[in-house]
Amino acid sequence: MTSRISAPRELVTSMVQVGRPLRNLPKRSAGNTPADMPAAGKCRHSDYCFDDGNVVLECQGTLYKVHRSLLERHSPVFREMFMLPQPEGSIEGLSEENPITLEGIEADDFTRLLSLLYPPVLGDCKITTVEEWMSIFEQADRWQIDCLRDKALGNLRMSYISPIPKILFWMRFRLPEEDIVQPFIDLIARPNSLSLSEAQAVGLKLLVKIACARDMARDEGLCPHSGGFSVRRDEALSRIVHEVFYPS
């Protein structure tokens, strides 16, 4: 029986706020899988199963044989996990037949994380899309790899992300409020109201606040026009955003 690390993946549209606990890591269970039993239904990752790797991890049936020291160096979560005592006779993580299972984590996401820890060319980075950087940010936040978290956030800040996905992602991870003032302005100033799918994505509480802010903007005559917004209108819309979404 392999150990399992519970780490449920949330969609970008989730309103769940993710913390970064170091404590309450799961205890390892005693392994009872014979060392010579084949790993049925599992496959080795073509790039991240190193001959000299000394810890075996599994995500969604994909096996990774990597270097414990590298994970410990960059992630306090992995460092504390590896310090947990193992029951006598347990060989979890030492063989492909009895890996440490990272439950609830997408294999593609974990592979992206490893691509930055093991770049094919020193200093190279093949992560380019917003979706990929969001994936890297989520993994870096989960494992508390702060340098990668900061790198991912920097790239997300420089990328265009449509208002609702950006707002939900920033709120989920409690990122700086000022980064999403403009997306909120875009939502409350646009001529059309939220679609059904957008309303379902933001949830009732946020939907009510957006509707309230749009009403305030309309009552103050801040509706969009062909000439765009003046500085004074932008300042007024920013004030409405702070009053509705970030009241002091």
C-alpha atoms as a PDB file:
ATOM      1  CA  MET A   1       0.000   0.000   0.000  1.00  0.00           C
ATOM      2  CA  THR A   2       1.529   3.318  -1.024  1.00  0.00           C
ATOM      3  CA  SER A   3       1.366   6.570   0.843  1.00  0.00           C
ATOM      4  CA  ARG A   4      -0.910   9.232  -0.603  1.00  0.00           C
ATOM      5  CA  ILE A   5      -0.524  12.961  -0.363  1.00  0.00           C
ATOM      6  CA  SER A   6      -3.914  14.599  -0.629  1.00  0.00           C
ATOM      7  CA  ALA A   7      -3.638  17.634  -2.863  1.00  0.00           C
ATOM      8  CA  PRO A   8      -6.933  18.299  -4.685  1.00  0.00           C
ATOM      9  CA  ARG A   9      -6.615  20.324  -7.897  1.00  0.00           C
ATOM     10  CA  GLU A  10      -9.043  23.238  -8.245  1.00  0.00           C
ATOM     11  CA  LEU A  11     -10.106  24.833 -11.534  1.00  0.00           C
ATOM     12  CA  VAL A  12      -9.211  28.431 -12.288  1.00  0.00           C
ATOM     13  CA  THR A  13     -12.875  29.228 -11.784  1.00  0.00           C
ATOM     14  CA  SER A  14     -12.844  27.921  -8.222  1.00  0.00           C
ATOM     15  CA  MET A  15     -13.282  30.355  -5.365  1.00  0.00           C
ATOM     16  CA  VAL A  16     -11.331  28.106  -2.995  1.00  0.00           C
ATOM     17  CA  GLN A  17      -8.492  29.931  -1.288  1.00  0.00           C
ATOM     18  CA  VAL A  18      -5.362  27.834  -1.080  1.00  0.00           C
ATOM     19  CA  GLY A  19      -3.117  27.991   1.951  1.00  0.00           C
ATOM     20  CA  ARG A  20       0.425  26.784   2.247  1.00  0.00           C
ATOM     21  CA  PRO A  21       0.602  24.610   5.380  1.00  0.00           C
ATOM     22  CA  LEU A  22       3.735  22.817   6.390  1.00  0.00           C
ATOM     23  CA  ARG A  23       2.082  20.820   9.140  1.00  0.00           C
ATOM     24  CA  ASN A  24      -0.486  18.045   9.017  1.00  0.00           C
ATOM     25  CA  LEU A  25       1.361  16.128   6.342  1.00  0.00           C
ATOM     26  CA  PRO A  26       0.014  12.593   6.017  1.00  0.00           C
ATOM     27  CA  LYS A  27       1.707   9.811   7.897  1.00  0.00           C
ATOM     28  CA  ARG A  28       3.311   7.133   5.805  1.00  0.00           C
ATOM     29  CA  SER A  29       1.548   3.806   5.827  1.00  0.00           C
ATOM     30  CA  ALA A  30       3.381   0.515   5.975  1.00  0.00           C
ATOM     31  CA  GLY A  31       4.209  -0.770   2.506  1.00  0.00           C
ATOM     32  CA  ASN A  32       3.058  -4.318   1.867  1.00  0.00           C
ATOM     33  CA  THR A  33       3.634  -4.602  -1.881  1.00  0.00           C
ATOM     34  CA  PRO A  34       6.233  -7.256  -2.726  1.00  0.00           C
ATOM     35  CA  ALA A  35       9.348  -5.669  -4.208  1.00  0.00           C
ATOM     36  CA  ASP A  36       9.189  -7.918  -7.281  1.00  0.00           C
ATOM     37  CA  MET A  37       5.513  -7.223  -8.075  1.00  0.00           C
ATOM     38  CA  PRO A  38       5.117  -5.448 -11.442  1.00  0.00           C
ATOM     39  CA  ALA A  39       3.615  -1.970 -11.407  1.00  0.00           C
ATOM     40  CA  ALA A  40       0.490  -2.805 -13.398  1.00  0.00           C
ATOM     41  CA  GLY A  41      -1.071   0.095 -15.268  1.00  0.00           C
ATOM     42  CA  LYS A  42       1.858   2.418 -14.597  1.00  0.00           C
ATOM     43  CA  CYS A  43       4.392   3.898 -16.988  1.00  0.00           C
ATOM     44  CA  ARG A  44       7.761   5.556 -16.537  1.00  0.00           C
ATOM     45  CA  HIS A  45       8.025   9.158 -17.668  1.00  0.00           C
ATOM     46  CA  SER A  46      10.338   9.336 -20.666  1.00  0.00           C
ATOM     47  CA  ASP A  47      12.251  12.393 -19.423  1.00  0.00           C
ATOM     48  CA  TYR A  48      12.111  12.199 -15.635  1.00  0.00           C
ATOM     49  CA  CYS A  49      13.112   8.669 -14.684  1.00  0.00           C
ATOM     50  CA  PHE A  50      16.827   8.980 -14.004  1.00  0.00           C
ATOM     51  CA  ASP A  51      19.049   5.940 -13.518  1.00  0.00           C
ATOM     52  CA  ASP A  52      20.651   7.601 -10.497  1.00  0.00           C
ATOM     53  CA  GLY A  53      17.374   8.922  -9.087  1.00  0.00           C
ATOM     54  CA  ASN A  54      16.768   7.910  -5.487  1.00  0.00           C
ATOM     55  CA  VAL A  55      13.068   8.604  -4.908  1.00  0.00           C
ATOM     56  CA  VAL A  56      10.117   7.369  -6.971  1.00  0.00           C
ATOM     57  CA  LEU A  57       6.938   9.440  -7.172  1.00  0.00           C
ATOM     58  CA  GLU A  58       3.688   8.697  -8.971  1.00  0.00           C
ATOM     59  CA  CYS A  59       1.070  11.007 -10.476  1.00  0.00           C
ATOM     60  CA  GLN A  60      -1.928   9.534 -12.276  1.00  0.00           C
ATOM     61  CA  GLY A  61      -0.079   6.316 -13.082  1.00  0.00           C
ATOM     62  CA  THR A  62       3.051   8.103 -14.319  1.00  0.00           C
ATOM     63  CA  LEU A  63       6.265   7.252 -12.468  1.00  0.00           C
ATOM     64  CA  TYR A  64       9.049   9.756 -11.835  1.00  0.00           C
ATOM     65  CA  LYS A  65      12.427   8.636 -10.517  1.00  0.00           C
ATOM     66  CA  VAL A  66      14.101  11.839  -9.439  1.00  0.00           C
ATOM     67  CA  HIS A  67      16.622  13.161  -6.947  1.00  0.00           C
ATOM     68  CA  ARG A  68      15.458  13.630  -3.396  1.00  0.00           C
ATOM     69  CA  SER A  69      18.152  16.233  -2.672  1.00  0.00           C
ATOM     70  CA  LEU A  70      16.893  18.484  -5.478  1.00  0.00           C
ATOM     71  CA  LEU A  71      13.315  18.410  -4.200  1.00  0.00           C
ATOM     72  CA  GLU A  72      14.461  18.989  -0.619  1.00  0.00           C
ATOM     73  CA  ARG A  73      16.666  21.913  -1.618  1.00  0.00           C
ATOM     74  CA  HIS A  74      13.866  23.832  -3.296  1.00  0.00           C
ATOM     75  CA  SER A  75      10.739  22.724  -1.423  1.00  0.00           C
ATOM     76  CA  PRO A  76      10.242  22.789   2.363  1.00  0.00           C
ATOM     77  CA  VAL A  77       7.107  20.691   1.835  1.00  0.00           C
ATOM     78  CA  PHE A  78       9.073  17.879   0.210  1.00  0.00           C
ATOM     79  CA  ARG A  79      11.816  18.320   2.799  1.00  0.00           C
ATOM     80  CA  GLU A  80       9.401  17.810   5.687  1.00  0.00           C
ATOM     81  CA  MET A  81       7.598  14.986   3.893  1.00  0.00           C
ATOM     82  CA  PHE A  82      10.834  13.038   3.457  1.00  0.00           C
ATOM     83  CA  MET A  83      11.607  13.507   7.162  1.00  0.00           C
ATOM     84  CA  LEU A  84       8.435  11.684   8.221  1.00  0.00           C
ATOM     85  CA  PRO A  85       9.350   8.340   9.836  1.00  0.00           C
ATOM     86  CA  GLN A  86       8.504   5.235   7.848  1.00  0.00           C
ATOM     87  CA  PRO A  87       7.081   2.120   9.494  1.00  0.00           C
ATOM     88  CA  GLU A  88       9.511  -0.744   9.857  1.00  0.00           C
ATOM     89  CA  GLY A  89       9.847  -2.711   6.638  1.00  0.00           C
ATOM     90  CA  SER A  90       8.398   0.046   4.459  1.00  0.00           C
ATOM     91  CA  ILE A  91      10.141   0.806   1.171  1.00  0.00           C
ATOM     92  CA  GLU A  92       7.886   3.596  -0.071  1.00  0.00           C
ATOM     93  CA  GLY A  93       9.521   5.729  -2.702  1.00  0.00           C
ATOM     94  CA  LEU A  94      12.526   3.432  -3.086  1.00  0.00           C
ATOM     95  CA  SER A  95      11.183   1.359  -5.973  1.00  0.00           C
ATOM     96  CA  GLU A  96       8.854   1.689  -8.920  1.00  0.00           C
ATOM     97  CA  GLU A  97       6.690  -1.067  -7.434  1.00  0.00           C
ATOM     98  CA  ASN A  98       6.027   1.008  -4.310  1.00  0.00           C
ATOM     99  CA  PRO A  99       6.212   4.724  -5.166  1.00  0.00           C
ATOM    100  CA  ILE A 100       5.056   7.692  -3.140  1.00  0.00           C
ATOM    101  CA  THR A 101       1.739   8.652  -4.705  1.00  0.00           C
ATOM    102  CA  LEU A 102       0.959  12.348  -5.141  1.00  0.00           C
ATOM    103  CA  GLU A 103      -2.795  12.059  -5.150  1.00  0.00           C
ATOM    104  CA  GLY A 104      -5.003  14.647  -6.815  1.00  0.00           C
ATOM    105  CA  ILE A 105      -2.194  16.254  -8.808  1.00  0.00           C
ATOM    106  CA  GLU A 106      -2.333  16.228 -12.606  1.00  0.00           C
ATOM    107  CA  ALA A 107       0.632  14.485 -14.199  1.00  0.00           C
ATOM    108  CA  ASP A 108       0.961  17.282 -16.766  1.00  0.00           C
ATOM    109  CA  ASP A 109       1.227  19.873 -13.991  1.00  0.00           C
ATOM    110  CA  PHE A 110       3.898  17.958 -12.090  1.00  0.00           C
ATOM    111  CA  THR A 111       5.802  17.352 -15.337  1.00  0.00           C
ATOM    112  CA  ARG A 112       5.830  21.101 -16.017  1.00  0.00           C
ATOM    113  CA  LEU A 113       7.256  21.703 -12.557  1.00  0.00           C
ATOM    114  CA  LEU A 114      10.017  19.169 -13.156  1.00  0.00           C
ATOM    115  CA  SER A 115      10.790  20.776 -16.527  1.00  0.00           C
ATOM    116  CA  LEU A 116      11.909  23.875 -14.627  1.00  0.00           C
ATOM    117  CA  LEU A 117      13.793  21.924 -11.962  1.00  0.00           C
ATOM    118  CA  TYR A 118      15.488  19.855 -14.705  1.00  0.00           C
ATOM    119  CA  PRO A 119      15.821  22.217 -17.714  1.00  0.00           C
ATOM    120  CA  PRO A 120      16.938  20.373 -20.880  1.00  0.00           C
ATOM    121  CA  VAL A 121      19.268  23.304 -21.569  1.00  0.00           C
ATOM    122  CA  LEU A 122      20.722  25.198 -18.622  1.00  0.00           C
ATOM    123  CA  GLY A 123      18.768  28.418 -18.155  1.00  0.00           C
ATOM    124  CA  ASP A 124      16.205  27.435 -20.789  1.00  0.00           C
ATOM    125  CA  CYS A 125      12.466  27.723 -20.152  1.00  0.00           C
ATOM    126  CA  LYS A 126       9.860  26.241 -22.469  1.00  0.00           C
ATOM    127  CA  ILE A 127       6.866  27.473 -20.451  1.00  0.00           C
ATOM    128  CA  THR A 128       5.113  30.095 -22.579  1.00  0.00           C
ATOM    129  CA  THR A 129       1.309  30.134 -22.286  1.00  0.00           C
ATOM    130  CA  VAL A 130      -0.858  31.625 -19.555  1.00  0.00           C
ATOM    131  CA  GLU A 131      -2.292  28.180 -18.791  1.00  0.00           C
ATOM    132  CA  GLU A 132       1.214  26.759 -18.339  1.00  0.00           C
ATOM    133  CA  TRP A 133       2.322  29.608 -16.071  1.00  0.00           C
ATOM    134  CA  MET A 134      -0.838  29.212 -13.985  1.00  0.00           C
ATOM    135  CA  SER A 135       0.005  25.518 -13.683  1.00  0.00           C
ATOM    136  CA  ILE A 136       3.583  26.335 -12.623  1.00  0.00           C
ATOM    137  CA  PHE A 137       2.332  28.901 -10.111  1.00  0.00           C
ATOM    138  CA  GLU A 138      -0.090  26.404  -8.584  1.00  0.00           C
ATOM    139  CA  GLN A 139       2.577  23.712  -8.230  1.00  0.00           C
ATOM    140  CA  ALA A 140       5.182  26.162  -6.907  1.00  0.00           C
ATOM    141  CA  ASP A 141       2.669  27.484  -4.385  1.00  0.00           C
ATOM    142  CA  ARG A 142       1.687  23.971  -3.299  1.00  0.00           C
ATOM    143  CA  TRP A 143       5.285  22.865  -2.756  1.00  0.00           C
ATOM    144  CA  GLN A 144       6.417  26.302  -1.529  1.00  0.00           C
ATOM    145  CA  ILE A 145       9.083  26.763  -4.195  1.00  0.00           C
ATOM    146  CA  ASP A 146       9.161  30.520  -3.828  1.00  0.00           C
ATOM    147  CA  CYS A 147      11.580  31.338  -6.659  1.00  0.00           C
ATOM    148  CA  LEU A 148       9.375  29.565  -9.213  1.00  0.00           C
ATOM    149  CA  ARG A 149       6.239  31.045  -7.685  1.00  0.00           C
ATOM    150  CA  ASP A 150       7.674  34.552  -8.122  1.00  0.00           C
ATOM    151  CA  LYS A 151       8.805  33.778 -11.670  1.00  0.00           C
ATOM    152  CA  ALA A 152       5.364  32.462 -12.622  1.00  0.00           C
ATOM    153  CA  LEU A 153       3.618  35.459 -11.054  1.00  0.00           C
ATOM    154  CA  GLY A 154       5.902  37.848 -12.927  1.00  0.00           C
ATOM    155  CA  ASN A 155       5.063  36.190 -16.224  1.00  0.00           C
ATOM    156  CA  LEU A 156       1.335  36.177 -15.449  1.00  0.00           C
ATOM    157  CA  ARG A 157       1.457  39.888 -14.650  1.00  0.00           C
ATOM    158  CA  MET A 158       3.028  40.580 -18.054  1.00  0.00           C
ATOM    159  CA  SER A 159       0.480  38.436 -19.916  1.00  0.00           C
ATOM    160  CA  TYR A 160      -3.012  39.346 -21.001  1.00  0.00           C
ATOM    161  CA  ILE A 161      -5.609  37.342 -19.067  1.00  0.00           C
ATOM    162  CA  SER A 162      -9.299  38.003 -19.616  1.00  0.00           C
ATOM    163  CA  PRO A 163     -10.943  39.680 -16.602  1.00  0.00           C
ATOM    164  CA  ILE A 164     -12.891  36.824 -15.009  1.00  0.00           C
ATOM    165  CA  PRO A 165     -10.164  34.126 -15.095  1.00  0.00           C
ATOM    166  CA  LYS A 166      -7.626  36.655 -13.792  1.00  0.00           C
ATOM    167  CA  ILE A 167      -9.890  37.852 -10.979  1.00  0.00           C
ATOM    168  CA  LEU A 168     -10.698  34.300  -9.869  1.00  0.00           C
ATOM    169  CA  PHE A 169      -7.067  33.178 -10.012  1.00  0.00           C
ATOM    170  CA  TRP A 170      -5.875  36.209  -8.034  1.00  0.00           C
ATOM    171  CA  MET A 171      -8.608  35.782  -5.420  1.00  0.00           C
ATOM    172  CA  ARG A 172      -7.952  32.058  -5.121  1.00  0.00           C
ATOM    173  CA  PHE A 173      -4.314  32.594  -4.220  1.00  0.00           C
ATOM    174  CA  ARG A 174      -4.856  35.891  -2.350  1.00  0.00           C
ATOM    175  CA  LEU A 175      -2.569  37.803  -4.683  1.00  0.00           C
ATOM    176  CA  PRO A 176      -2.254  41.617  -4.505  1.00  0.00           C
ATOM    177  CA  GLU A 177      -5.621  43.312  -4.869  1.00  0.00           C
ATOM    178  CA  GLU A 178      -4.265  46.170  -6.964  1.00  0.00           C
ATOM    179  CA  ASP A 179      -3.432  43.719  -9.760  1.00  0.00           C
ATOM    180  CA  ILE A 180      -7.127  43.093 -10.434  1.00  0.00           C
ATOM    181  CA  VAL A 181      -8.556  46.602 -10.118  1.00  0.00           C
ATOM    182  CA  GLN A 182      -8.368  47.045 -13.897  1.00  0.00           C
ATOM    183  CA  PRO A 183     -10.062  43.688 -14.645  1.00  0.00           C
ATOM    184  CA  PHE A 184     -12.881  44.706 -12.289  1.00  0.00           C
ATOM    185  CA  ILE A 185     -13.130  48.059 -14.096  1.00  0.00           C
ATOM    186  CA  ASP A 186     -13.352  46.230 -17.414  1.00  0.00           C
ATOM    187  CA  LEU A 187     -16.233  44.120 -16.083  1.00  0.00           C
ATOM    188  CA  ILE A 188     -18.286  46.915 -14.586  1.00  0.00           C
ATOM    189  CA  ALA A 189     -17.727  49.307 -17.511  1.00  0.00           C
ATOM    190  CA  ARG A 190     -18.453  46.960 -20.393  1.00  0.00           C
ATOM    191  CA  PRO A 191     -21.807  47.462 -22.135  1.00  0.00           C
ATOM    192  CA  ASN A 192     -23.086  43.891 -21.768  1.00  0.00           C
ATOM    193  CA  SER A 193     -23.777  42.148 -18.470  1.00  0.00           C
ATOM    194  CA  LEU A 194     -22.209  38.817 -17.503  1.00  0.00           C
ATOM    195  CA  SER A 195     -23.262  35.779 -19.501  1.00  0.00           C
ATOM    196  CA  LEU A 196     -24.759  32.722 -17.823  1.00  0.00           C
ATOM    197  CA  SER A 197     -21.460  30.833 -17.975  1.00  0.00           C
ATOM    198  CA  GLU A 198     -19.585  33.818 -16.526  1.00  0.00           C
ATOM    199  CA  ALA A 199     -22.140  34.166 -13.736  1.00  0.00           C
ATOM    200  CA  GLN A 200     -21.773  30.482 -12.874  1.00  0.00           C
ATOM    201  CA  ALA A 201     -17.991  30.856 -12.850  1.00  0.00           C
ATOM    202  CA  VAL A 202     -17.860  33.791 -10.425  1.00  0.00           C
ATOM    203  CA  GLY A 203     -20.540  32.489  -8.054  1.00  0.00           C
ATOM    204  CA  LEU A 204     -23.447  34.298  -6.412  1.00  0.00           C
ATOM    205  CA  LYS A 205     -21.521  36.463  -3.933  1.00  0.00           C
ATOM    206  CA  LEU A 206     -19.163  37.953  -6.508  1.00  0.00           C
ATOM    207  CA  LEU A 207     -21.953  38.223  -9.084  1.00  0.00           C
ATOM    208  CA  VAL A 208     -24.009  40.410  -6.728  1.00  0.00           C
ATOM    209  CA  LYS A 209     -21.016  42.684  -6.105  1.00  0.00           C
ATOM    210  CA  ILE A 210     -20.329  43.041  -9.824  1.00  0.00           C
ATOM    211  CA  ALA A 211     -23.982  43.919 -10.466  1.00  0.00           C
ATOM    212  CA  CYS A 212     -23.883  46.468  -7.643  1.00  0.00           C
ATOM    213  CA  ALA A 213     -20.724  48.072  -9.035  1.00  0.00           C
ATOM    214  CA  ARG A 214     -22.238  48.233 -12.533  1.00  0.00           C
ATOM    215  CA  ASP A 215     -25.332  49.961 -11.129  1.00  0.00           C
ATOM    216  CA  MET A 216     -23.152  52.495  -9.310  1.00  0.00           C
ATOM    217  CA  ALA A 217     -21.175  53.204 -12.484  1.00  0.00           C
ATOM    218  CA  ARG A 218     -24.368  53.677 -14.480  1.00  0.00           C
ATOM    219  CA  ASP A 219     -25.913  55.955 -11.833  1.00  0.00           C
ATOM    220  CA  GLU A 220     -22.796  58.140 -11.905  1.00  0.00           C
ATOM    221  CA  GLY A 221     -22.908  58.375 -15.693  1.00  0.00           C
ATOM    222  CA  LEU A 222     -19.770  56.310 -16.197  1.00  0.00           C
ATOM    223  CA  CYS A 223     -21.109  54.256 -19.092  1.00  0.00           C
ATOM    224  CA  PRO A 224     -18.638  53.508 -21.908  1.00  0.00           C
ATOM    225  CA  HIS A 225     -18.723  55.498 -25.106  1.00  0.00           C
ATOM    226  CA  SER A 226     -16.936  55.415 -28.426  1.00  0.00           C
ATOM    227  CA  GLY A 227     -14.279  57.826 -27.256  1.00  0.00           C
ATOM    228  CA  GLY A 228     -13.153  55.661 -24.369  1.00  0.00           C
ATOM    229  CA  PHE A 229     -12.790  56.738 -20.755  1.00  0.00           C
ATOM    230  CA  SER A 230     -11.219  59.911 -19.473  1.00  0.00           C
ATOM    231  CA  VAL A 231      -8.751  59.905 -16.598  1.00  0.00           C
ATOM    232  CA  ARG A 232     -11.488  61.248 -14.336  1.00  0.00           C
ATOM    233  CA  ARG A 233     -13.821  58.399 -15.312  1.00  0.00           C
ATOM    234  CA  ASP A 234     -11.080  55.829 -14.718  1.00  0.00           C
ATOM    235  CA  GLU A 235     -10.451  57.286 -11.268  1.00  0.00           C
ATOM    236  CA  ALA A 236     -14.172  57.177 -10.483  1.00  0.00           C
ATOM    237  CA  LEU A 237     -14.427  53.561 -11.621  1.00  0.00           C
ATOM    238  CA  SER A 238     -11.383  52.653  -9.523  1.00  0.00           C
ATOM    239  CA  ARG A 239     -13.072  54.250  -6.520  1.00  0.00           C
ATOM    240  CA  ILE A 240     -16.198  52.163  -7.122  1.00  0.00           C
ATOM    241  CA  VAL A 241     -14.107  48.984  -7.341  1.00  0.00           C
ATOM    242  CA  HIS A 242     -12.471  49.707  -3.984  1.00  0.00           C
ATOM    243  CA  GLU A 243     -15.792  50.636  -2.356  1.00  0.00           C
ATOM    244  CA  VAL A 244     -17.586  47.491  -3.525  1.00  0.00           C
ATOM    245  CA  PHE A 245     -14.887  44.809  -3.552  1.00  0.00           C
ATOM    246  CA  TYR A 246     -12.365  46.101  -1.000  1.00  0.00           C
ATOM    247  CA  PRO A 247     -14.276  48.164   1.573  1.00  0.00           C
ATOM    248  CA  SER A 248     -12.078  49.425   4.379  1.00  0.00           C
END
